[in-house]
Amino acid sequence: MPYSTIAAPDAKPVANYKMATRMEGGRLLYISGQVAWDESGTIVGKGDVRAQARQTFQNLRGVLQAAGGDLGNLMKITTYITKIEDFPAVAEARREVFSGELPASTLIVVRSLFHPDFLIEVEGVATV
């Protein structure tokens, strides 16, 4: 099945990692987990889940923009956090970046993400 890969221009390049994919000619976009790093690969907001959430949502927006959309195109997000106590700060950051209705969402608390300094990761499904 032919598909296209979406890469955000400001994203840190990572080997064997696709920011997002969609079928050729299709509108459904699957967005890989986004974390709080900047374009150089530096972790933003180390130890600060609110700052990490803001950067993560900014990175999610960048992937959507590279695909021709924006946060309003999201149909569903899955948010992974490492401590349930961080949920209020994550919810606050989410309210800051989404205008209007929120997409369907799932929150999952995990023991750890792929790097111990990451406190949040968000993946999504959008139509663009």
N, C-alpha and C. Protein backbone atom coordinates (compact mmCIF):
# COMPACT_ATOMS: atom_id res chain seq x y z
N MET A 1 0.83 -1.18 0.00
CA MET A 1 0.00 0.00 0.00
C MET A 1 0.87 1.24 0.00
N PRO A 2 0.70 2.09 -0.96
CA PRO A 2 1.51 3.31 -0.99
C PRO A 2 1.02 4.32 0.06
N TYR A 3 1.95 4.89 0.76
CA TYR A 3 1.61 5.91 1.75
C TYR A 3 2.64 7.01 1.67
N SER A 4 2.28 8.16 2.22
CA SER A 4 3.24 9.26 2.26
C SER A 4 3.63 9.53 3.70
N THR A 5 4.84 9.99 3.86
CA THR A 5 5.39 10.32 5.16
C THR A 5 5.39 11.82 5.31
N ILE A 6 4.97 12.30 6.46
CA ILE A 6 4.95 13.73 6.76
C ILE A 6 6.10 14.02 7.71
N ALA A 7 6.86 15.05 7.41
CA ALA A 7 7.94 15.48 8.29
C ALA A 7 7.78 16.97 8.55
N ALA A 8 7.78 17.35 9.81
CA ALA A 8 7.70 18.76 10.17
C ALA A 8 9.06 19.40 9.94
N PRO A 9 9.11 20.56 9.28
CA PRO A 9 10.40 21.18 8.95
C PRO A 9 11.25 21.55 10.17
N ASP A 10 10.61 21.86 11.30
CA ASP A 10 11.36 22.26 12.50
C ASP A 10 11.67 21.10 13.43
N ALA A 11 11.34 19.89 13.03
CA ALA A 11 11.51 18.73 13.91
C ALA A 11 12.92 18.18 13.81
N LYS A 12 13.38 17.67 14.94
CA LYS A 12 14.68 17.01 14.97
C LYS A 12 14.59 15.72 14.16
N PRO A 13 15.48 15.51 13.21
CA PRO A 13 15.44 14.24 12.47
C PRO A 13 15.88 13.08 13.34
N VAL A 14 15.11 12.02 13.30
CA VAL A 14 15.40 10.82 14.09
C VAL A 14 15.38 9.63 13.14
N ALA A 15 16.41 8.81 13.19
CA ALA A 15 16.48 7.64 12.32
C ALA A 15 15.32 6.71 12.60
N ASN A 16 14.76 6.14 11.54
CA ASN A 16 13.68 5.15 11.63
C ASN A 16 12.45 5.64 12.38
N TYR A 17 12.15 6.92 12.30
CA TYR A 17 10.99 7.49 12.97
C TYR A 17 10.25 8.38 11.99
N LYS A 18 8.99 8.12 11.80
CA LYS A 18 8.16 8.95 10.92
C LYS A 18 7.25 9.80 11.79
N MET A 19 7.21 11.09 11.54
CA MET A 19 6.34 11.98 12.30
C MET A 19 4.87 11.63 12.08
N ALA A 20 4.53 11.33 10.84
CA ALA A 20 3.14 10.98 10.51
C ALA A 20 3.11 10.29 9.16
N THR A 21 2.06 9.50 8.96
CA THR A 21 1.85 8.84 7.67
C THR A 21 0.38 8.91 7.30
N ARG A 22 0.14 8.82 5.98
CA ARG A 22 -1.22 8.69 5.47
C ARG A 22 -1.16 7.98 4.13
N MET A 23 -2.26 7.34 3.80
CA MET A 23 -2.34 6.65 2.53
C MET A 23 -2.31 7.68 1.41
N GLU A 24 -1.71 7.36 0.30
CA GLU A 24 -1.68 8.26 -0.85
C GLU A 24 -3.10 8.63 -1.23
N GLY A 25 -3.36 9.93 -1.35
CA GLY A 25 -4.68 10.41 -1.73
C GLY A 25 -5.69 10.41 -0.61
N GLY A 26 -5.30 9.93 0.55
CA GLY A 26 -6.22 9.87 1.69
C GLY A 26 -6.15 11.10 2.56
N ARG A 27 -7.12 11.24 3.43
CA ARG A 27 -7.18 12.37 4.35
C ARG A 27 -6.82 11.99 5.78
N LEU A 28 -6.88 10.69 6.08
CA LEU A 28 -6.63 10.24 7.45
C LEU A 28 -5.13 10.25 7.73
N LEU A 29 -4.74 10.95 8.77
CA LEU A 29 -3.33 11.13 9.12
C LEU A 29 -3.07 10.53 10.49
N TYR A 30 -2.10 9.62 10.57
CA TYR A 30 -1.69 9.02 11.84
C TYR A 30 -0.41 9.71 12.29
N ILE A 31 -0.46 10.33 13.46
CA ILE A 31 0.66 11.12 13.95
C ILE A 31 1.36 10.35 15.07
N SER A 32 2.64 10.12 14.89
CA SER A 32 3.45 9.43 15.91
C SER A 32 3.53 10.26 17.17
N GLY A 33 3.89 9.60 18.27
CA GLY A 33 4.02 10.29 19.55
C GLY A 33 4.98 11.46 19.48
N GLN A 34 4.52 12.60 19.93
CA GLN A 34 5.33 13.82 19.98
C GLN A 34 5.74 14.06 21.43
N VAL A 35 6.95 14.53 21.60
CA VAL A 35 7.50 14.80 22.93
C VAL A 35 8.04 16.23 22.97
N ALA A 36 8.57 16.61 24.11
CA ALA A 36 8.99 18.00 24.35
C ALA A 36 10.44 18.24 23.99
N TRP A 37 10.77 18.08 22.72
CA TRP A 37 12.11 18.49 22.32
C TRP A 37 12.00 19.53 21.22
N ASP A 38 13.02 20.36 21.14
CA ASP A 38 13.02 21.39 20.11
C ASP A 38 13.69 20.85 18.85
N GLU A 39 13.84 21.71 17.86
CA GLU A 39 14.38 21.27 16.56
C GLU A 39 15.81 20.76 16.63
N SER A 40 16.55 21.11 17.69
CA SER A 40 17.92 20.61 17.82
C SER A 40 17.99 19.33 18.65
N GLY A 41 16.84 18.88 19.18
CA GLY A 41 16.82 17.67 19.98
C GLY A 41 17.03 17.91 21.47
N THR A 42 16.99 19.17 21.88
CA THR A 42 17.11 19.51 23.29
C THR A 42 15.75 19.36 23.97
N ILE A 43 15.74 18.73 25.13
CA ILE A 43 14.49 18.57 25.88
C ILE A 43 14.09 19.92 26.45
N VAL A 44 12.86 20.32 26.18
CA VAL A 44 12.31 21.58 26.67
C VAL A 44 11.58 21.30 27.98
N GLY A 45 11.81 22.11 29.00
CA GLY A 45 11.08 21.99 30.25
C GLY A 45 11.45 20.78 31.09
N LYS A 46 12.70 20.45 31.15
CA LYS A 46 13.11 19.29 31.96
C LYS A 46 12.59 19.45 33.39
N GLY A 47 11.80 18.47 33.85
CA GLY A 47 11.23 18.49 35.18
C GLY A 47 9.95 19.31 35.31
N ASP A 48 9.50 19.96 34.23
CA ASP A 48 8.32 20.83 34.26
C ASP A 48 7.29 20.30 33.26
N VAL A 49 6.30 19.56 33.75
CA VAL A 49 5.34 18.92 32.85
C VAL A 49 4.51 19.94 32.07
N ARG A 50 4.20 21.09 32.65
CA ARG A 50 3.42 22.10 31.93
C ARG A 50 4.21 22.61 30.72
N ALA A 51 5.49 22.93 30.93
CA ALA A 51 6.34 23.39 29.82
C ALA A 51 6.49 22.29 28.78
N GLN A 52 6.64 21.05 29.23
CA GLN A 52 6.76 19.94 28.29
C GLN A 52 5.47 19.75 27.50
N ALA A 53 4.33 19.89 28.16
CA ALA A 53 3.05 19.75 27.47
C ALA A 53 2.90 20.82 26.40
N ARG A 54 3.25 22.05 26.73
CA ARG A 54 3.16 23.13 25.73
C ARG A 54 4.03 22.83 24.52
N GLN A 55 5.27 22.40 24.75
CA GLN A 55 6.17 22.08 23.64
C GLN A 55 5.65 20.90 22.85
N THR A 56 5.14 19.89 23.54
CA THR A 56 4.61 18.71 22.86
C THR A 56 3.45 19.08 21.95
N PHE A 57 2.52 19.91 22.45
CA PHE A 57 1.39 20.33 21.61
C PHE A 57 1.87 21.22 20.47
N GLN A 58 2.91 22.02 20.70
CA GLN A 58 3.49 22.82 19.61
C GLN A 58 4.06 21.90 18.53
N ASN A 59 4.74 20.84 18.95
CA ASN A 59 5.29 19.89 17.98
C ASN A 59 4.18 19.16 17.23
N LEU A 60 3.11 18.82 17.92
CA LEU A 60 1.95 18.20 17.28
C LEU A 60 1.37 19.14 16.24
N ARG A 61 1.25 20.41 16.58
CA ARG A 61 0.76 21.41 15.62
C ARG A 61 1.69 21.48 14.41
N GLY A 62 3.00 21.43 14.64
CA GLY A 62 3.95 21.51 13.52
C GLY A 62 3.79 20.36 12.54
N VAL A 63 3.54 19.15 13.04
CA VAL A 63 3.32 18.01 12.16
C VAL A 63 2.04 18.21 11.36
N LEU A 64 1.00 18.67 12.03
CA LEU A 64 -0.28 18.92 11.34
C LEU A 64 -0.12 20.00 10.27
N GLN A 65 0.61 21.05 10.57
CA GLN A 65 0.83 22.11 9.59
C GLN A 65 1.63 21.59 8.39
N ALA A 66 2.60 20.72 8.64
CA ALA A 66 3.37 20.14 7.54
C ALA A 66 2.48 19.29 6.62
N ALA A 67 1.39 18.78 7.19
CA ALA A 67 0.44 17.98 6.41
C ALA A 67 -0.67 18.83 5.80
N GLY A 68 -0.64 20.14 6.06
CA GLY A 68 -1.66 21.03 5.51
C GLY A 68 -2.83 21.30 6.44
N GLY A 69 -2.67 21.01 7.72
CA GLY A 69 -3.77 21.20 8.66
C GLY A 69 -3.34 21.97 9.89
N ASP A 70 -4.13 21.83 10.94
CA ASP A 70 -3.84 22.45 12.23
C ASP A 70 -4.51 21.62 13.32
N LEU A 71 -4.42 22.07 14.55
CA LEU A 71 -4.97 21.30 15.67
C LEU A 71 -6.47 21.03 15.52
N GLY A 72 -7.18 21.90 14.81
CA GLY A 72 -8.60 21.69 14.58
C GLY A 72 -8.91 20.47 13.73
N ASN A 73 -7.90 19.92 13.06
CA ASN A 73 -8.08 18.72 12.24
C ASN A 73 -7.96 17.43 13.04
N LEU A 74 -7.53 17.53 14.30
CA LEU A 74 -7.38 16.33 15.11
C LEU A 74 -8.74 15.71 15.42
N MET A 75 -8.82 14.42 15.25
CA MET A 75 -10.03 13.68 15.62
C MET A 75 -9.85 13.02 16.98
N LYS A 76 -8.63 12.56 17.28
CA LYS A 76 -8.36 11.86 18.53
C LYS A 76 -6.90 12.03 18.91
N ILE A 77 -6.68 12.18 20.22
CA ILE A 77 -5.31 12.17 20.74
C ILE A 77 -5.23 11.15 21.87
N THR A 78 -4.04 10.60 22.01
CA THR A 78 -3.74 9.75 23.15
C THR A 78 -2.55 10.39 23.87
N THR A 79 -2.74 10.67 25.14
CA THR A 79 -1.72 11.34 25.94
C THR A 79 -1.16 10.36 26.96
N TYR A 80 0.14 10.25 26.98
CA TYR A 80 0.85 9.39 27.94
C TYR A 80 1.58 10.30 28.91
N ILE A 81 1.35 10.11 30.21
CA ILE A 81 2.08 10.85 31.23
C ILE A 81 2.68 9.86 32.22
N THR A 82 3.70 10.30 32.94
CA THR A 82 4.39 9.38 33.85
C THR A 82 3.89 9.48 35.29
N LYS A 83 3.09 10.52 35.60
CA LYS A 83 2.53 10.65 36.95
C LYS A 83 1.12 11.22 36.85
N ILE A 84 0.15 10.57 37.46
CA ILE A 84 -1.22 11.04 37.42
C ILE A 84 -1.35 12.42 38.05
N GLU A 85 -0.47 12.75 38.97
CA GLU A 85 -0.49 14.07 39.61
C GLU A 85 -0.25 15.19 38.61
N ASP A 86 0.33 14.87 37.47
CA ASP A 86 0.62 15.88 36.43
C ASP A 86 -0.59 16.20 35.57
N PHE A 87 -1.66 15.44 35.71
CA PHE A 87 -2.81 15.63 34.82
C PHE A 87 -3.36 17.05 34.84
N PRO A 88 -3.56 17.71 35.99
CA PRO A 88 -4.10 19.08 35.95
C PRO A 88 -3.25 20.04 35.12
N ALA A 89 -1.94 19.96 35.22
CA ALA A 89 -1.06 20.84 34.44
C ALA A 89 -1.17 20.53 32.96
N VAL A 90 -1.26 19.26 32.62
CA VAL A 90 -1.41 18.85 31.21
C VAL A 90 -2.74 19.34 30.67
N ALA A 91 -3.81 19.19 31.45
CA ALA A 91 -5.13 19.65 31.03
C ALA A 91 -5.14 21.16 30.81
N GLU A 92 -4.45 21.89 31.67
CA GLU A 92 -4.36 23.34 31.52
C GLU A 92 -3.63 23.71 30.22
N ALA A 93 -2.52 23.07 29.95
CA ALA A 93 -1.78 23.34 28.71
C ALA A 93 -2.62 22.98 27.49
N ARG A 94 -3.37 21.90 27.59
CA ARG A 94 -4.24 21.49 26.48
C ARG A 94 -5.31 22.55 26.22
N ARG A 95 -5.89 23.10 27.28
CA ARG A 95 -6.90 24.17 27.11
C ARG A 95 -6.29 25.42 26.47
N GLU A 96 -5.01 25.67 26.73
CA GLU A 96 -4.35 26.84 26.15
C GLU A 96 -4.19 26.72 24.64
N VAL A 97 -3.97 25.52 24.14
CA VAL A 97 -3.66 25.37 22.72
C VAL A 97 -4.85 25.01 21.84
N PHE A 98 -5.88 24.42 22.41
CA PHE A 98 -7.06 24.05 21.62
C PHE A 98 -8.13 25.12 21.78
N SER A 99 -8.62 25.62 20.64
CA SER A 99 -9.76 26.53 20.67
C SER A 99 -10.98 25.74 20.21
N GLY A 100 -12.10 26.02 20.79
CA GLY A 100 -13.30 25.28 20.41
C GLY A 100 -13.32 23.90 21.04
N GLU A 101 -13.91 22.96 20.33
CA GLU A 101 -14.05 21.61 20.85
C GLU A 101 -12.72 20.86 20.87
N LEU A 102 -12.56 20.08 21.91
CA LEU A 102 -11.39 19.21 22.00
C LEU A 102 -11.63 17.95 21.18
N PRO A 103 -10.57 17.35 20.67
CA PRO A 103 -10.76 16.06 20.00
C PRO A 103 -11.07 14.98 21.04
N ALA A 104 -11.55 13.84 20.59
CA ALA A 104 -11.68 12.69 21.49
C ALA A 104 -10.29 12.43 22.06
N SER A 105 -10.25 11.96 23.31
CA SER A 105 -8.93 11.78 23.90
C SER A 105 -8.92 10.65 24.91
N THR A 106 -7.73 10.10 25.06
CA THR A 106 -7.46 9.05 26.04
C THR A 106 -6.21 9.47 26.80
N LEU A 107 -6.22 9.26 28.12
CA LEU A 107 -5.06 9.52 28.95
C LEU A 107 -4.58 8.20 29.53
N ILE A 108 -3.28 7.96 29.40
CA ILE A 108 -2.68 6.74 29.92
C ILE A 108 -1.49 7.12 30.79
N VAL A 109 -1.44 6.56 31.98
CA VAL A 109 -0.29 6.77 32.87
C VAL A 109 0.65 5.59 32.70
N VAL A 110 1.91 5.90 32.40
CA VAL A 110 2.91 4.87 32.16
C VAL A 110 4.06 5.03 33.16
N ARG A 111 4.81 3.98 33.33
CA ARG A 111 5.95 4.02 34.25
C ARG A 111 7.05 4.94 33.72
N SER A 112 7.28 4.89 32.41
CA SER A 112 8.36 5.67 31.81
C SER A 112 8.11 5.81 30.33
N LEU A 113 8.66 6.88 29.76
CA LEU A 113 8.66 7.05 28.31
C LEU A 113 10.05 6.66 27.81
N PHE A 114 10.33 6.84 26.53
CA PHE A 114 11.58 6.32 25.98
C PHE A 114 12.84 7.00 26.50
N HIS A 115 12.71 8.16 27.12
CA HIS A 115 13.83 8.83 27.78
C HIS A 115 13.33 9.26 29.15
N PRO A 116 14.10 9.05 30.21
CA PRO A 116 13.59 9.33 31.55
C PRO A 116 13.23 10.79 31.82
N ASP A 117 13.73 11.74 31.03
CA ASP A 117 13.41 13.14 31.24
C ASP A 117 12.09 13.56 30.60
N PHE A 118 11.53 12.73 29.73
CA PHE A 118 10.23 13.06 29.14
C PHE A 118 9.13 12.70 30.12
N LEU A 119 8.20 13.64 30.31
CA LEU A 119 7.09 13.45 31.24
C LEU A 119 5.76 13.26 30.51
N ILE A 120 5.73 13.56 29.22
CA ILE A 120 4.50 13.49 28.43
C ILE A 120 4.83 13.14 26.99
N GLU A 121 3.92 12.41 26.37
CA GLU A 121 3.99 12.10 24.94
C GLU A 121 2.55 12.09 24.43
N VAL A 122 2.34 12.66 23.23
CA VAL A 122 1.00 12.73 22.66
C VAL A 122 1.04 12.26 21.21
N GLU A 123 0.15 11.33 20.88
CA GLU A 123 -0.01 10.89 19.49
C GLU A 123 -1.43 11.24 19.05
N GLY A 124 -1.66 11.24 17.75
CA GLY A 124 -2.97 11.64 17.29
C GLY A 124 -3.38 11.05 15.96
N VAL A 125 -4.67 11.20 15.70
CA VAL A 125 -5.26 10.84 14.40
C VAL A 125 -6.03 12.08 13.94
N ALA A 126 -5.81 12.47 12.69
CA ALA A 126 -6.44 13.67 12.16
C ALA A 126 -6.97 13.41 10.75
N THR A 127 -7.84 14.28 10.30
CA THR A 127 -8.23 14.31 8.90
C THR A 127 -7.76 15.62 8.31
N VAL A 128 -6.95 15.54 7.29
CA VAL A 128 -6.40 16.74 6.66
C VAL A 128 -6.64 16.63 5.16
